[in-house]
Amino acid sequence: LTVKINKTHHTIQMIGIPPTDLASLARIILSSQCKSIAILTGAGVSVASGIPDFRSPGGMYDSLRPELITATPYQRQLMEAD
């Protein structure tokens, strides 16, 4: 697997077949070809660890105090309605 990064156009191109098992991924990471690693995750990735997401009961939206953050009155209304 080869990854080409175009810093001018902010694009990433993957060439080849990505690994489908943990051992193959480990070999790539440990090889001299691997220069850096970036891990992208989605919303809620920490929920399994017991950290509440924003919208679940007990999450940030339940405890958020809009008056303590910089927001316009309209934005505060939207947060309260959500």
C-alpha atoms as a PDB file:
ATOM      1  CA  LEU A   1       0.000   0.000   0.000  1.00  0.00           C
ATOM      2  CA  THR A   2       1.377   3.386  -0.992  1.00  0.00           C
ATOM      3  CA  VAL A   3      -0.079   6.695   0.065  1.00  0.00           C
ATOM      4  CA  LYS A   4       0.749   9.836  -1.909  1.00  0.00           C
ATOM      5  CA  ILE A   5       0.101  13.162  -0.223  1.00  0.00           C
ATOM      6  CA  ASN A   6      -0.265  16.304  -2.316  1.00  0.00           C
ATOM      7  CA  LYS A   7       0.321  19.162   0.127  1.00  0.00           C
ATOM      8  CA  THR A   8      -0.486  21.789  -2.481  1.00  0.00           C
ATOM      9  CA  HIS A   9      -3.972  20.480  -3.196  1.00  0.00           C
ATOM     10  CA  HIS A  10      -4.483  18.878   0.257  1.00  0.00           C
ATOM     11  CA  THR A  11      -5.309  15.471  -1.206  1.00  0.00           C
ATOM     12  CA  ILE A  12      -4.375  11.911  -0.319  1.00  0.00           C
ATOM     13  CA  GLN A  13      -4.203   9.101  -2.871  1.00  0.00           C
ATOM     14  CA  MET A  14      -4.000   5.462  -1.812  1.00  0.00           C
ATOM     15  CA  ILE A  15      -2.321   3.113  -4.275  1.00  0.00           C
ATOM     16  CA  GLY A  16      -2.559  -0.636  -3.787  1.00  0.00           C
ATOM     17  CA  ILE A  17      -4.703  -2.860  -1.635  1.00  0.00           C
ATOM     18  CA  PRO A  18      -5.022  -1.834   2.021  1.00  0.00           C
ATOM     19  CA  PRO A  19      -4.336  -4.533   4.614  1.00  0.00           C
ATOM     20  CA  THR A  20      -7.344  -6.564   5.713  1.00  0.00           C
ATOM     21  CA  ASP A  21      -5.884  -8.132   8.855  1.00  0.00           C
ATOM     22  CA  LEU A  22      -4.057  -6.845  11.905  1.00  0.00           C
ATOM     23  CA  ALA A  23      -0.793  -8.689  11.187  1.00  0.00           C
ATOM     24  CA  SER A  24      -0.494  -7.119   7.717  1.00  0.00           C
ATOM     25  CA  LEU A  25      -1.237  -3.682   9.126  1.00  0.00           C
ATOM     26  CA  ALA A  26       1.418  -4.178  11.815  1.00  0.00           C
ATOM     27  CA  ARG A  27       4.018  -5.152   9.177  1.00  0.00           C
ATOM     28  CA  ILE A  28       3.302  -1.955   7.240  1.00  0.00           C
ATOM     29  CA  ILE A  29       3.509   0.209  10.365  1.00  0.00           C
ATOM     30  CA  LEU A  30       6.787  -1.406  11.465  1.00  0.00           C
ATOM     31  CA  SER A  31       8.369  -1.198   8.011  1.00  0.00           C
ATOM     32  CA  SER A  32      10.811   1.510   6.997  1.00  0.00           C
ATOM     33  CA  GLN A  33       8.278   2.693   4.413  1.00  0.00           C
ATOM     34  CA  CYS A  34       5.921   3.958   7.111  1.00  0.00           C
ATOM     35  CA  LYS A  35       6.847   7.549   7.939  1.00  0.00           C
ATOM     36  CA  SER A  36       3.778   8.646   9.908  1.00  0.00           C
ATOM     37  CA  ILE A  37       0.339   7.457  10.950  1.00  0.00           C
ATOM     38  CA  ALA A  38      -2.958   9.322  11.134  1.00  0.00           C
ATOM     39  CA  ILE A  39      -6.042   7.781  12.692  1.00  0.00           C
ATOM     40  CA  LEU A  40      -9.424   9.236  11.799  1.00  0.00           C
ATOM     41  CA  THR A  41     -12.423   8.228  13.872  1.00  0.00           C
ATOM     42  CA  GLY A  42     -16.073   9.073  13.878  1.00  0.00           C
ATOM     43  CA  ALA A  43     -18.353  10.579  16.468  1.00  0.00           C
ATOM     44  CA  GLY A  44     -19.028   8.384  19.460  1.00  0.00           C
ATOM     45  CA  VAL A  45     -15.780   6.426  19.319  1.00  0.00           C
ATOM     46  CA  SER A  46     -15.224   6.999  23.047  1.00  0.00           C
ATOM     47  CA  VAL A  47     -18.730   5.919  24.111  1.00  0.00           C
ATOM     48  CA  ALA A  48     -17.592   2.312  24.524  1.00  0.00           C
ATOM     49  CA  SER A  49     -15.060   3.603  27.080  1.00  0.00           C
ATOM     50  CA  GLY A  50     -17.807   5.171  29.160  1.00  0.00           C
ATOM     51  CA  ILE A  51     -17.309   8.733  27.955  1.00  0.00           C
ATOM     52  CA  PRO A  52     -20.754  10.119  27.050  1.00  0.00           C
ATOM     53  CA  ASP A  53     -21.292  11.627  23.633  1.00  0.00           C
ATOM     54  CA  PHE A  54     -22.944  15.005  23.159  1.00  0.00           C
ATOM     55  CA  ARG A  55     -26.528  13.846  22.651  1.00  0.00           C
ATOM     56  CA  SER A  56     -26.885  10.889  25.018  1.00  0.00           C
ATOM     57  CA  PRO A  57     -28.423  11.410  28.473  1.00  0.00           C
ATOM     58  CA  GLY A  58     -25.694  12.881  30.653  1.00  0.00           C
ATOM     59  CA  GLY A  59     -23.764  14.080  27.616  1.00  0.00           C
ATOM     60  CA  MET A  60     -22.419  17.561  26.945  1.00  0.00           C
ATOM     61  CA  TYR A  61     -25.734  18.916  25.699  1.00  0.00           C
ATOM     62  CA  ASP A  62     -27.311  18.064  29.065  1.00  0.00           C
ATOM     63  CA  SER A  63     -24.645  19.907  31.015  1.00  0.00           C
ATOM     64  CA  LEU A  64     -23.677  22.620  28.531  1.00  0.00           C
ATOM     65  CA  ARG A  65     -23.986  26.133  29.877  1.00  0.00           C
ATOM     66  CA  PRO A  66     -24.257  28.386  26.808  1.00  0.00           C
ATOM     67  CA  GLU A  67     -23.750  31.505  28.884  1.00  0.00           C
ATOM     68  CA  LEU A  68     -20.183  30.384  29.565  1.00  0.00           C
ATOM     69  CA  ILE A  69     -19.197  30.187  25.916  1.00  0.00           C
ATOM     70  CA  THR A  70     -19.040  32.796  23.217  1.00  0.00           C
ATOM     71  CA  ALA A  71     -22.289  32.609  21.314  1.00  0.00           C
ATOM     72  CA  THR A  72     -24.822  35.030  19.950  1.00  0.00           C
ATOM     73  CA  PRO A  73     -28.280  35.108  21.559  1.00  0.00           C
ATOM     74  CA  TYR A  74     -29.648  33.313  18.492  1.00  0.00           C
ATOM     75  CA  GLN A  75     -27.010  30.558  18.769  1.00  0.00           C
ATOM     76  CA  ARG A  76     -27.881  30.151  22.475  1.00  0.00           C
ATOM     77  CA  GLN A  77     -31.560  29.704  21.546  1.00  0.00           C
ATOM     78  CA  LEU A  78     -30.595  26.993  19.075  1.00  0.00           C
ATOM     79  CA  MET A  79     -28.522  25.176  21.693  1.00  0.00           C
ATOM     80  CA  GLU A  80     -31.337  25.349  24.240  1.00  0.00           C
ATOM     81  CA  ALA A  81     -33.841  24.011  21.691  1.00  0.00           C
ATOM     82  CA  ASP A  82     -31.549  21.115  20.822  1.00  0.00           C
END
